[in-house]
Amino acid sequence: MPRIRKGFKHWRSFSESSTIHGLQYLGERGRPKSERVCWVVMLVMSLFGSGLFINKSWTKWKNSPVIISFSESSTPIWKVPFPAITICSETKSRATVYNFSGNYYLEPETLNE
């Protein structure tokens, strides 16, 4: 029995100082058992759900791996092979107002007109 009590003491100390949300409520003194059971159920469900997402992502990557590379030099848009992935900035712009790719390769004299 002393080993079990020592184990519970360590568990309580760990859970009280843990930053994992919900875990601190399991070892906190004075919590009703129904609340602890609720937190155990939620923690187990979140671990199970996380495991499912990890397994799904791993299976998807195993079946069709994706390679991402970053280039040091800029590539003209007409040399980018199709299909290409473009990451847009958070500031959305309307192409009808300003077409960056259309104006990027113009001569400076043309831009002044």
PDB file of N, CA and C in Angstrom:
ATOM      1  N   MET A   1       0.798  -1.210   0.000  1.00  0.00           N
ATOM      2  CA  MET A   1       0.000   0.000   0.000  1.00  0.00           C
ATOM      3  C   MET A   1       0.843   1.278   0.000  1.00  0.00           C
ATOM      4  N   PRO A   2       1.998   1.294   0.677  1.00  0.00           N
ATOM      5  CA  PRO A   2       2.774   2.540   0.666  1.00  0.00           C
ATOM      6  C   PRO A   2       3.211   2.949  -0.746  1.00  0.00           C
ATOM      7  N   ARG A   3       3.466   1.967  -1.616  1.00  0.00           N
ATOM      8  CA  ARG A   3       3.870   2.291  -2.991  1.00  0.00           C
ATOM      9  C   ARG A   3       2.717   2.937  -3.754  1.00  0.00           C
ATOM     10  N   ILE A   4       1.514   2.446  -3.521  1.00  0.00           N
ATOM     11  CA  ILE A   4       0.341   2.995  -4.200  1.00  0.00           C
ATOM     12  C   ILE A   4       0.092   4.428  -3.733  1.00  0.00           C
ATOM     13  N   ARG A   5       0.194   4.652  -2.414  1.00  0.00           N
ATOM     14  CA  ARG A   5      -0.001   6.012  -1.891  1.00  0.00           C
ATOM     15  C   ARG A   5       1.070   6.958  -2.425  1.00  0.00           C
ATOM     16  N   LYS A   6       2.293   6.461  -2.510  1.00  0.00           N
ATOM     17  CA  LYS A   6       3.377   7.285  -3.041  1.00  0.00           C
ATOM     18  C   LYS A   6       3.121   7.604  -4.516  1.00  0.00           C
ATOM     19  N   GLY A   7       2.605   6.608  -5.245  1.00  0.00           N
ATOM     20  CA  GLY A   7       2.260   6.828  -6.648  1.00  0.00           C
ATOM     21  C   GLY A   7       1.164   7.868  -6.805  1.00  0.00           C
ATOM     22  N   PHE A   8       0.126   7.797  -5.960  1.00  0.00           N
ATOM     23  CA  PHE A   8      -0.943   8.797  -5.996  1.00  0.00           C
ATOM     24  C   PHE A   8      -0.419  10.185  -5.628  1.00  0.00           C
ATOM     25  N   LYS A   9       0.517  10.225  -4.680  1.00  0.00           N
ATOM     26  CA  LYS A   9       1.096  11.504  -4.277  1.00  0.00           C
ATOM     27  C   LYS A   9       1.850  12.132  -5.455  1.00  0.00           C
ATOM     28  N   HIS A  10       2.623  11.310  -6.166  1.00  0.00           N
ATOM     29  CA  HIS A  10       3.348  11.809  -7.340  1.00  0.00           C
ATOM     30  C   HIS A  10       2.372  12.228  -8.446  1.00  0.00           C
ATOM     31  N   TRP A  11       1.316  11.430  -8.642  1.00  0.00           N
ATOM     32  CA  TRP A  11       0.313  11.763  -9.656  1.00  0.00           C
ATOM     33  C   TRP A  11      -0.351  13.101  -9.336  1.00  0.00           C
ATOM     34  N   ARG A  12      -0.720  13.293  -8.070  1.00  0.00           N
ATOM     35  CA  ARG A  12      -1.372  14.541  -7.659  1.00  0.00           C
ATOM     36  C   ARG A  12      -0.431  15.729  -7.871  1.00  0.00           C
ATOM     37  N   SER A  13       0.823  15.559  -7.500  1.00  0.00           N
ATOM     38  CA  SER A  13       1.804  16.633  -7.688  1.00  0.00           C
ATOM     39  C   SER A  13       1.981  16.950  -9.171  1.00  0.00           C
ATOM     40  N   PHE A  14       2.070  15.904  -9.992  1.00  0.00           N
ATOM     41  CA  PHE A  14       2.225  16.101 -11.434  1.00  0.00           C
ATOM     42  C   PHE A  14       1.008  16.789 -12.033  1.00  0.00           C
ATOM     43  N   SER A  15      -0.178  16.321 -11.684  1.00  0.00           N
ATOM     44  CA  SER A  15      -1.391  16.876 -12.285  1.00  0.00           C
ATOM     45  C   SER A  15      -1.646  18.311 -11.831  1.00  0.00           C
ATOM     46  N   GLU A  16      -1.267  18.648 -10.609  1.00  0.00           N
ATOM     47  CA  GLU A  16      -1.471  20.018 -10.132  1.00  0.00           C
ATOM     48  C   GLU A  16      -0.538  21.009 -10.821  1.00  0.00           C
ATOM     49  N   SER A  17       0.642  20.545 -11.220  1.00  0.00           N
ATOM     50  CA  SER A  17       1.603  21.454 -11.852  1.00  0.00           C
ATOM     51  C   SER A  17       1.618  21.325 -13.372  1.00  0.00           C
ATOM     52  N   SER A  18       0.790  20.456 -13.920  1.00  0.00           N
ATOM     53  CA  SER A  18       0.767  20.237 -15.366  1.00  0.00           C
ATOM     54  C   SER A  18       0.107  21.405 -16.089  1.00  0.00           C
ATOM     55  N   THR A  19       0.583  21.672 -17.305  1.00  0.00           N
ATOM     56  CA  THR A  19      -0.034  22.715 -18.125  1.00  0.00           C
ATOM     57  C   THR A  19      -0.989  22.121 -19.155  1.00  0.00           C
ATOM     58  N   ILE A  20      -1.167  20.819 -19.147  1.00  0.00           N
ATOM     59  CA  ILE A  20      -2.124  20.171 -20.044  1.00  0.00           C
ATOM     60  C   ILE A  20      -3.528  20.476 -19.526  1.00  0.00           C
ATOM     61  N   HIS A  21      -4.339  21.088 -20.394  1.00  0.00           N
ATOM     62  CA  HIS A  21      -5.663  21.522 -19.959  1.00  0.00           C
ATOM     63  C   HIS A  21      -6.514  20.323 -19.554  1.00  0.00           C
ATOM     64  N   GLY A  22      -7.098  20.386 -18.387  1.00  0.00           N
ATOM     65  CA  GLY A  22      -7.968  19.330 -17.898  1.00  0.00           C
ATOM     66  C   GLY A  22      -7.257  18.380 -16.958  1.00  0.00           C
ATOM     67  N   LEU A  23      -5.958  18.196 -17.148  1.00  0.00           N
ATOM     68  CA  LEU A  23      -5.211  17.259 -16.310  1.00  0.00           C
ATOM     69  C   LEU A  23      -5.096  17.767 -14.882  1.00  0.00           C
ATOM     70  N   GLN A  24      -5.024  19.067 -14.713  1.00  0.00           N
ATOM     71  CA  GLN A  24      -4.878  19.626 -13.372  1.00  0.00           C
ATOM     72  C   GLN A  24      -6.121  19.388 -12.519  1.00  0.00           C
ATOM     73  N   TYR A  25      -7.269  19.204 -13.160  1.00  0.00           N
ATOM     74  CA  TYR A  25      -8.499  18.993 -12.403  1.00  0.00           C
ATOM     75  C   TYR A  25      -8.625  17.560 -11.880  1.00  0.00           C
ATOM     76  N   LEU A  26      -7.838  16.646 -12.424  1.00  0.00           N
ATOM     77  CA  LEU A  26      -7.938  15.253 -11.985  1.00  0.00           C
ATOM     78  C   LEU A  26      -7.318  15.043 -10.608  1.00  0.00           C
ATOM     79  N   GLY A  27      -6.226  15.732 -10.318  1.00  0.00           N
ATOM     80  CA  GLY A  27      -5.555  15.525  -9.041  1.00  0.00           C
ATOM     81  C   GLY A  27      -5.853  16.575  -7.999  1.00  0.00           C
ATOM     82  N   GLU A  28      -6.640  17.567  -8.359  1.00  0.00           N
ATOM     83  CA  GLU A  28      -6.937  18.654  -7.428  1.00  0.00           C
ATOM     84  C   GLU A  28      -7.852  18.163  -6.315  1.00  0.00           C
ATOM     85  N   ARG A  29      -7.487  18.500  -5.094  1.00  0.00           N
ATOM     86  CA  ARG A  29      -8.290  18.065  -3.939  1.00  0.00           C
ATOM     87  C   ARG A  29      -9.616  18.836  -3.895  1.00  0.00           C
ATOM     88  N   GLY A  30     -10.645  18.158  -3.423  1.00  0.00           N
ATOM     89  CA  GLY A  30     -11.943  18.797  -3.263  1.00  0.00           C
ATOM     90  C   GLY A  30     -12.825  18.767  -4.499  1.00  0.00           C
ATOM     91  N   ARG A  31     -12.342  18.194  -5.579  1.00  0.00           N
ATOM     92  CA  ARG A  31     -13.175  18.092  -6.788  1.00  0.00           C
ATOM     93  C   ARG A  31     -14.138  16.918  -6.626  1.00  0.00           C
ATOM     94  N   PRO A  32     -15.396  17.074  -7.035  1.00  0.00           N
ATOM     95  CA  PRO A  32     -16.334  15.941  -6.983  1.00  0.00           C
ATOM     96  C   PRO A  32     -15.915  14.842  -7.962  1.00  0.00           C
ATOM     97  N   LYS A  33     -16.240  13.610  -7.620  1.00  0.00           N
ATOM     98  CA  LYS A  33     -15.864  12.478  -8.473  1.00  0.00           C
ATOM     99  C   LYS A  33     -16.521  12.571  -9.841  1.00  0.00           C
ATOM    100  N   SER A  34     -17.746  13.092  -9.893  1.00  0.00           N
ATOM    101  CA  SER A  34     -18.427  13.208 -11.186  1.00  0.00           C
ATOM    102  C   SER A  34     -17.667  14.158 -12.115  1.00  0.00           C
ATOM    103  N   GLU A  35     -17.110  15.223 -11.564  1.00  0.00           N
ATOM    104  CA  GLU A  35     -16.337  16.161 -12.371  1.00  0.00           C
ATOM    105  C   GLU A  35     -15.038  15.513 -12.849  1.00  0.00           C
ATOM    106  N   ARG A  36     -14.411  14.746 -11.977  1.00  0.00           N
ATOM    107  CA  ARG A  36     -13.180  14.044 -12.378  1.00  0.00           C
ATOM    108  C   ARG A  36     -13.461  13.030 -13.479  1.00  0.00           C
ATOM    109  N   VAL A  37     -14.569  12.310 -13.349  1.00  0.00           N
ATOM    110  CA  VAL A  37     -14.939  11.338 -14.384  1.00  0.00           C
ATOM    111  C   VAL A  37     -15.182  12.057 -15.703  1.00  0.00           C
ATOM    112  N   CYS A  38     -15.843  13.199 -15.649  1.00  0.00           N
ATOM    113  CA  CYS A  38     -16.097  13.985 -16.858  1.00  0.00           C
ATOM    114  C   CYS A  38     -14.782  14.397 -17.509  1.00  0.00           C
ATOM    115  N   TRP A  39     -13.812  14.868 -16.723  1.00  0.00           N
ATOM    116  CA  TRP A  39     -12.518  15.273 -17.271  1.00  0.00           C
ATOM    117  C   TRP A  39     -11.752  14.076 -17.828  1.00  0.00           C
ATOM    118  N   VAL A  40     -11.853  12.926 -17.174  1.00  0.00           N
ATOM    119  CA  VAL A  40     -11.186  11.720 -17.694  1.00  0.00           C
ATOM    120  C   VAL A  40     -11.776  11.351 -19.046  1.00  0.00           C
ATOM    121  N   VAL A  41     -13.098  11.388 -19.152  1.00  0.00           N
ATOM    122  CA  VAL A  41     -13.759  11.059 -20.419  1.00  0.00           C
ATOM    123  C   VAL A  41     -13.326  12.031 -21.510  1.00  0.00           C
ATOM    124  N   MET A  42     -13.292  13.327 -21.191  1.00  0.00           N
ATOM    125  CA  MET A  42     -12.885  14.318 -22.197  1.00  0.00           C
ATOM    126  C   MET A  42     -11.425  14.144 -22.605  1.00  0.00           C
ATOM    127  N   LEU A  43     -10.552  13.865 -21.646  1.00  0.00           N
ATOM    128  CA  LEU A  43      -9.138  13.667 -21.975  1.00  0.00           C
ATOM    129  C   LEU A  43      -8.936  12.421 -22.837  1.00  0.00           C
ATOM    130  N   VAL A  44      -9.629  11.341 -22.496  1.00  0.00           N
ATOM    131  CA  VAL A  44      -9.510  10.108 -23.285  1.00  0.00           C
ATOM    132  C   VAL A  44     -10.058  10.329 -24.693  1.00  0.00           C
ATOM    133  N   MET A  45     -11.195  11.029 -24.804  1.00  0.00           N
ATOM    134  CA  MET A  45     -11.756  11.303 -26.129  1.00  0.00           C
ATOM    135  C   MET A  45     -10.825  12.182 -26.963  1.00  0.00           C
ATOM    136  N   SER A  46     -10.205  13.175 -26.334  1.00  0.00           N
ATOM    137  CA  SER A  46      -9.289  14.037 -27.090  1.00  0.00           C
ATOM    138  C   SER A  46      -8.039  13.276 -27.510  1.00  0.00           C
ATOM    139  N   LEU A  47      -7.528  12.394 -26.663  1.00  0.00           N
ATOM    140  CA  LEU A  47      -6.381  11.567 -27.049  1.00  0.00           C
ATOM    141  C   LEU A  47      -6.752  10.620 -28.182  1.00  0.00           C
ATOM    142  N   PHE A  48      -7.933  10.033 -28.106  1.00  0.00           N
ATOM    143  CA  PHE A  48      -8.394   9.132 -29.161  1.00  0.00           C
ATOM    144  C   PHE A  48      -8.565   9.886 -30.478  1.00  0.00           C
ATOM    145  N   GLY A  49      -9.204  11.062 -30.415  1.00  0.00           N
ATOM    146  CA  GLY A  49      -9.389  11.877 -31.621  1.00  0.00           C
ATOM    147  C   GLY A  49      -8.059  12.313 -32.218  1.00  0.00           C
ATOM    148  N   SER A  50      -7.124  12.708 -31.367  1.00  0.00           N
ATOM    149  CA  SER A  50      -5.794  13.093 -31.853  1.00  0.00           C
ATOM    150  C   SER A  50      -5.114  11.916 -32.530  1.00  0.00           C
ATOM    151  N   GLY A  51      -5.244  10.743 -31.931  1.00  0.00           N
ATOM    152  CA  GLY A  51      -4.665   9.542 -32.541  1.00  0.00           C
ATOM    153  C   GLY A  51      -5.267   9.251 -33.905  1.00  0.00           C
ATOM    154  N   LEU A  52      -6.578   9.437 -34.037  1.00  0.00           N
ATOM    155  CA  LEU A  52      -7.224   9.223 -35.333  1.00  0.00           C
ATOM    156  C   LEU A  52      -6.701  10.197 -36.382  1.00  0.00           C
ATOM    157  N   PHE A  53      -6.588  11.481 -36.014  1.00  0.00           N
ATOM    158  CA  PHE A  53      -6.078  12.482 -36.954  1.00  0.00           C
ATOM    159  C   PHE A  53      -4.630  12.196 -37.348  1.00  0.00           C
ATOM    160  N   ILE A  54      -3.816  11.804 -36.381  1.00  0.00           N
ATOM    161  CA  ILE A  54      -2.417  11.482 -36.680  1.00  0.00           C
ATOM    162  C   ILE A  54      -2.347  10.281 -37.606  1.00  0.00           C
ATOM    163  N   ASN A  55      -3.145   9.255 -37.329  1.00  0.00           N
ATOM    164  CA  ASN A  55      -3.152   8.060 -38.175  1.00  0.00           C
ATOM    165  C   ASN A  55      -3.613   8.397 -39.590  1.00  0.00           C
ATOM    166  N   LYS A  56      -4.652   9.218 -39.710  1.00  0.00           N
ATOM    167  CA  LYS A  56      -5.154   9.607 -41.030  1.00  0.00           C
ATOM    168  C   LYS A  56      -4.096  10.397 -41.798  1.00  0.00           C
ATOM    169  N   SER A  57      -3.436  11.330 -41.125  1.00  0.00           N
ATOM    170  CA  SER A  57      -2.387  12.122 -41.777  1.00  0.00           C
ATOM    171  C   SER A  57      -1.213  11.245 -42.192  1.00  0.00           C
ATOM    172  N   TRP A  58      -0.820  10.327 -41.335  1.00  0.00           N
ATOM    173  CA  TRP A  58       0.289   9.423 -41.649  1.00  0.00           C
ATOM    174  C   TRP A  58      -0.047   8.540 -42.849  1.00  0.00           C
ATOM    175  N   THR A  59      -1.259   7.995 -42.869  1.00  0.00           N
ATOM    176  CA  THR A  59      -1.677   7.139 -43.985  1.00  0.00           C
ATOM    177  C   THR A  59      -1.706   7.932 -45.283  1.00  0.00           C
ATOM    178  N   LYS A  60      -2.229   9.157 -45.232  1.00  0.00           N
ATOM    179  CA  LYS A  60      -2.280   9.997 -46.426  1.00  0.00           C
ATOM    180  C   LYS A  60      -0.870  10.314 -46.915  1.00  0.00           C
ATOM    181  N   TRP A  61       0.033  10.639 -46.011  1.00  0.00           N
ATOM    182  CA  TRP A  61       1.409  10.949 -46.399  1.00  0.00           C
ATOM    183  C   TRP A  61       2.119   9.709 -46.939  1.00  0.00           C
ATOM    184  N   LYS A  62       1.835   8.553 -46.336  1.00  0.00           N
ATOM    185  CA  LYS A  62       2.468   7.308 -46.778  1.00  0.00           C
ATOM    186  C   LYS A  62       2.032   6.946 -48.194  1.00  0.00           C
ATOM    187  N   ASN A  63       0.763   7.190 -48.516  1.00  0.00           N
ATOM    188  CA  ASN A  63       0.244   6.857 -49.844  1.00  0.00           C
ATOM    189  C   ASN A  63       0.654   7.871 -50.910  1.00  0.00           C
ATOM    190  N   SER A  64       0.725   9.139 -50.556  1.00  0.00           N
ATOM    191  CA  SER A  64       1.128  10.159 -51.530  1.00  0.00           C
ATOM    192  C   SER A  64       1.928  11.250 -50.816  1.00  0.00           C
ATOM    193  N   PRO A  65       3.232  11.040 -50.672  1.00  0.00           N
ATOM    194  CA  PRO A  65       4.047  12.037 -49.964  1.00  0.00           C
ATOM    195  C   PRO A  65       4.155  13.342 -50.751  1.00  0.00           C
ATOM    196  N   VAL A  66       4.270  14.417 -50.033  1.00  0.00           N
ATOM    197  CA  VAL A  66       4.385  15.743 -50.627  1.00  0.00           C
ATOM    198  C   VAL A  66       5.771  16.283 -50.302  1.00  0.00           C
ATOM    199  N   ILE A  67       6.421  16.829 -51.317  1.00  0.00           N
ATOM    200  CA  ILE A  67       7.735  17.416 -51.117  1.00  0.00           C
ATOM    201  C   ILE A  67       7.603  18.917 -51.310  1.00  0.00           C
ATOM    202  N   ILE A  68       8.067  19.657 -50.335  1.00  0.00           N
ATOM    203  CA  ILE A  68       8.019  21.112 -50.407  1.00  0.00           C
ATOM    204  C   ILE A  68       9.449  21.613 -50.510  1.00  0.00           C
ATOM    205  N   SER A  69       9.681  22.510 -51.461  1.00  0.00           N
ATOM    206  CA  SER A  69      11.020  23.087 -51.586  1.00  0.00           C
ATOM    207  C   SER A  69      10.904  24.598 -51.693  1.00  0.00           C
ATOM    208  N   PHE A  70      11.925  25.268 -51.226  1.00  0.00           N
ATOM    209  CA  PHE A  70      11.972  26.721 -51.278  1.00  0.00           C
ATOM    210  C   PHE A  70      13.141  27.122 -52.163  1.00  0.00           C
ATOM    211  N   SER A  71      12.881  27.980 -53.123  1.00  0.00           N
ATOM    212  CA  SER A  71      13.901  28.406 -54.073  1.00  0.00           C
ATOM    213  C   SER A  71      14.513  29.722 -53.623  1.00  0.00           C
ATOM    214  N   GLU A  72      15.815  29.854 -53.836  1.00  0.00           N
ATOM    215  CA  GLU A  72      16.512  31.083 -53.481  1.00  0.00           C
ATOM    216  C   GLU A  72      16.305  32.177 -54.523  1.00  0.00           C
ATOM    217  N   SER A  73      16.035  31.789 -55.761  1.00  0.00           N
ATOM    218  CA  SER A  73      15.857  32.782 -56.820  1.00  0.00           C
ATOM    219  C   SER A  73      14.396  32.807 -57.268  1.00  0.00           C
ATOM    220  N   SER A  74      13.975  33.955 -57.790  1.00  0.00           N
ATOM    221  CA  SER A  74      12.584  34.064 -58.243  1.00  0.00           C
ATOM    222  C   SER A  74      12.434  33.435 -59.624  1.00  0.00           C
ATOM    223  N   THR A  75      11.283  32.832 -59.852  1.00  0.00           N
ATOM    224  CA  THR A  75      10.976  32.177 -61.117  1.00  0.00           C
ATOM    225  C   THR A  75       9.817  32.912 -61.770  1.00  0.00           C
ATOM    226  N   PRO A  76       9.929  33.235 -63.058  1.00  0.00           N
ATOM    227  CA  PRO A  76       8.797  33.885 -63.737  1.00  0.00           C
ATOM    228  C   PRO A  76       7.561  32.991 -63.693  1.00  0.00           C
ATOM    229  N   ILE A  77       6.419  33.616 -63.661  1.00  0.00           N
ATOM    230  CA  ILE A  77       5.176  32.871 -63.494  1.00  0.00           C
ATOM    231  C   ILE A  77       4.911  31.915 -64.649  1.00  0.00           C
ATOM    232  N   TRP A  78       5.368  32.239 -65.850  1.00  0.00           N
ATOM    233  CA  TRP A  78       5.123  31.360 -67.001  1.00  0.00           C
ATOM    234  C   TRP A  78       6.029  30.133 -66.990  1.00  0.00           C
ATOM    235  N   LYS A  79       7.036  30.095 -66.104  1.00  0.00           N
ATOM    236  CA  LYS A  79       7.902  28.917 -66.004  1.00  0.00           C
ATOM    237  C   LYS A  79       7.496  27.977 -64.864  1.00  0.00           C
ATOM    238  N   VAL A  80       6.473  28.340 -64.125  1.00  0.00           N
ATOM    239  CA  VAL A  80       5.993  27.497 -63.036  1.00  0.00           C
ATOM    240  C   VAL A  80       5.132  26.403 -63.634  1.00  0.00           C
ATOM    241  N   PRO A  81       5.487  25.126 -63.423  1.00  0.00           N
ATOM    242  CA  PRO A  81       4.706  24.038 -64.022  1.00  0.00           C
ATOM    243  C   PRO A  81       3.337  23.899 -63.363  1.00  0.00           C
ATOM    244  N   PHE A  82       2.389  23.417 -64.135  1.00  0.00           N
ATOM    245  CA  PHE A  82       1.053  23.179 -63.615  1.00  0.00           C
ATOM    246  C   PHE A  82       0.979  21.746 -63.112  1.00  0.00           C
ATOM    247  N   PRO A  83       0.386  21.386 -62.043  1.00  0.00           N
ATOM    248  CA  PRO A  83      -0.272  22.240 -61.067  1.00  0.00           C
ATOM    249  C   PRO A  83       0.752  22.826 -60.099  1.00  0.00           C
ATOM    250  N   ALA A  84       0.590  24.051 -59.772  1.00  0.00           N
ATOM    251  CA  ALA A  84       1.455  24.744 -58.821  1.00  0.00           C
ATOM    252  C   ALA A  84       0.617  25.209 -57.641  1.00  0.00           C
ATOM    253  N   ILE A  85       1.243  25.295 -56.513  1.00  0.00           N
ATOM    254  CA  ILE A  85       0.552  25.765 -55.316  1.00  0.00           C
ATOM    255  C   ILE A  85       1.076  27.157 -55.008  1.00  0.00           C
ATOM    256  N   THR A  86       0.171  28.071 -54.821  1.00  0.00           N
ATOM    257  CA  THR A  86       0.538  29.440 -54.490  1.00  0.00           C
ATOM    258  C   THR A  86      -0.038  29.777 -53.129  1.00  0.00           C
ATOM    259  N   ILE A  87       0.794  30.303 -52.273  1.00  0.00           N
ATOM    260  CA  ILE A  87       0.322  30.725 -50.959  1.00  0.00           C
ATOM    261  C   ILE A  87       0.076  32.221 -51.030  1.00  0.00           C
ATOM    262  N   CYS A  88      -1.174  32.607 -50.850  1.00  0.00           N
ATOM    263  CA  CYS A  88      -1.553  34.013 -50.952  1.00  0.00           C
ATOM    264  C   CYS A  88      -1.349  34.702 -49.608  1.00  0.00           C
ATOM    265  N   SER A  89      -1.052  35.967 -49.682  1.00  0.00           N
ATOM    266  CA  SER A  89      -0.886  36.723 -48.443  1.00  0.00           C
ATOM    267  C   SER A  89      -2.252  36.964 -47.817  1.00  0.00           C
ATOM    268  N   GLU A  90      -2.230  37.423 -46.590  1.00  0.00           N
ATOM    269  CA  GLU A  90      -3.486  37.666 -45.891  1.00  0.00           C
ATOM    270  C   GLU A  90      -4.191  38.916 -46.399  1.00  0.00           C
ATOM    271  N   THR A  91      -3.442  39.817 -47.001  1.00  0.00           N
ATOM    272  CA  THR A  91      -4.070  41.021 -47.548  1.00  0.00           C
ATOM    273  C   THR A  91      -4.572  40.698 -48.942  1.00  0.00           C
ATOM    274  N   LYS A  92      -5.839  40.578 -49.078  1.00  0.00           N
ATOM    275  CA  LYS A  92      -6.449  40.229 -50.363  1.00  0.00           C
ATOM    276  C   LYS A  92      -6.511  41.463 -51.250  1.00  0.00           C
ATOM    277  N   SER A  93      -6.136  41.298 -52.492  1.00  0.00           N
ATOM    278  CA  SER A  93      -6.225  42.409 -53.437  1.00  0.00           C
ATOM    279  C   SER A  93      -7.069  41.973 -54.626  1.00  0.00           C
ATOM    280  N   ARG A  94      -7.677  42.949 -55.268  1.00  0.00           N
ATOM    281  CA  ARG A  94      -8.504  42.659 -56.433  1.00  0.00           C
ATOM    282  C   ARG A  94      -7.655  42.795 -57.687  1.00  0.00           C
ATOM    283  N   ALA A  95      -7.650  41.761 -58.532  1.00  0.00           N
ATOM    284  CA  ALA A  95      -6.850  41.772 -59.754  1.00  0.00           C
ATOM    285  C   ALA A  95      -7.335  42.834 -60.728  1.00  0.00           C
ATOM    286  N   THR A  96      -8.600  43.220 -60.632  1.00  0.00           N
ATOM    287  CA  THR A  96      -9.111  44.252 -61.539  1.00  0.00           C
ATOM    288  C   THR A  96      -8.529  45.622 -61.206  1.00  0.00           C
ATOM    289  N   VAL A  97      -8.144  45.838 -59.953  1.00  0.00           N
ATOM    290  CA  VAL A  97      -7.572  47.112 -59.538  1.00  0.00           C
ATOM    291  C   VAL A  97      -6.080  47.150 -59.835  1.00  0.00           C
ATOM    292  N   TYR A  98      -5.366  46.082 -59.486  1.00  0.00           N
ATOM    293  CA  TYR A  98      -3.923  46.040 -59.718  1.00  0.00           C
ATOM    294  C   TYR A  98      -3.511  44.608 -60.012  1.00  0.00           C
ATOM    295  N   ASN A  99      -2.916  44.385 -61.163  1.00  0.00           N
ATOM    296  CA  ASN A  99      -2.448  43.070 -61.567  1.00  0.00           C
ATOM    297  C   ASN A  99      -0.930  43.051 -61.409  1.00  0.00           C
ATOM    298  N   PHE A 100      -0.445  42.487 -60.313  1.00  0.00           N
ATOM    299  CA  PHE A 100       0.982  42.503 -60.008  1.00  0.00           C
ATOM    300  C   PHE A 100       1.792  41.768 -61.064  1.00  0.00           C
ATOM    301  N   SER A 101       1.379  40.554 -61.423  1.00  0.00           N
ATOM    302  CA  SER A 101       2.154  39.780 -62.397  1.00  0.00           C
ATOM    303  C   SER A 101       2.144  40.438 -63.773  1.00  0.00           C
ATOM    304  N   GLY A 102       1.090  41.164 -64.105  1.00  0.00           N
ATOM    305  CA  GLY A 102       1.041  41.863 -65.386  1.00  0.00           C
ATOM    306  C   GLY A 102       1.958  43.075 -65.415  1.00  0.00           C
ATOM    307  N   ASN A 103       2.141  43.723 -64.286  1.00  0.00           N
ATOM    308  CA  ASN A 103       2.972  44.925 -64.209  1.00  0.00           C
ATOM    309  C   ASN A 103       4.418  44.644 -63.807  1.00  0.00           C
ATOM    310  N   TYR A 104       4.702  43.475 -63.281  1.00  0.00           N
ATOM    311  CA  TYR A 104       6.035  43.176 -62.750  1.00  0.00           C
ATOM    312  C   TYR A 104       7.110  43.184 -63.834  1.00  0.00           C
ATOM    313  N   TYR A 105       6.790  42.659 -64.988  1.00  0.00           N
ATOM    314  CA  TYR A 105       7.787  42.513 -66.044  1.00  0.00           C
ATOM    315  C   TYR A 105       7.736  43.629 -67.092  1.00  0.00           C
ATOM    316  N   LEU A 106       6.983  44.686 -66.856  1.00  0.00           N
ATOM    317  CA  LEU A 106       6.935  45.816 -67.780  1.00  0.00           C
ATOM    318  C   LEU A 106       8.178  46.686 -67.610  1.00  0.00           C
ATOM    319  N   GLU A 107       8.540  47.352 -68.658  1.00  0.00           N
ATOM    320  CA  GLU A 107       9.667  48.285 -68.604  1.00  0.00           C
ATOM    321  C   GLU A 107       9.268  49.510 -67.779  1.00  0.00           C
ATOM    322  N   PRO A 108      10.217  50.168 -67.118  1.00  0.00           N
ATOM    323  CA  PRO A 108       9.876  51.345 -66.301  1.00  0.00           C
ATOM    324  C   PRO A 108       9.187  52.450 -67.088  1.00  0.00           C
ATOM    325  N   GLU A 109       9.528  52.601 -68.368  1.00  0.00           N
ATOM    326  CA  GLU A 109       8.884  53.645 -69.167  1.00  0.00           C
ATOM    327  C   GLU A 109       7.394  53.360 -69.336  1.00  0.00           C
ATOM    328  N   THR A 110       7.051  52.078 -69.471  1.00  0.00           N
ATOM    329  CA  THR A 110       5.657  51.686 -69.666  1.00  0.00           C
ATOM    330  C   THR A 110       4.846  51.959 -68.402  1.00  0.00           C
ATOM    331  N   LEU A 111       5.454  51.785 -67.250  1.00  0.00           N
ATOM    332  CA  LEU A 111       4.737  51.991 -65.995  1.00  0.00           C
ATOM    333  C   LEU A 111       4.382  53.456 -65.779  1.00  0.00           C
ATOM    334  N   ASN A 112       5.209  54.354 -66.292  1.00  0.00           N
ATOM    335  CA  ASN A 112       4.952  55.786 -66.100  1.00  0.00           C
ATOM    336  C   ASN A 112       3.800  56.293 -66.955  1.00  0.00           C
ATOM    337  N   GLU A 113       3.419  55.568 -67.961  1.00  0.00           N
ATOM    338  CA  GLU A 113       2.347  56.009 -68.865  1.00  0.00           C
ATOM    339  C   GLU A 113       0.985  55.852 -68.258  1.00  0.00           C
TER     340      GLU A 113
END
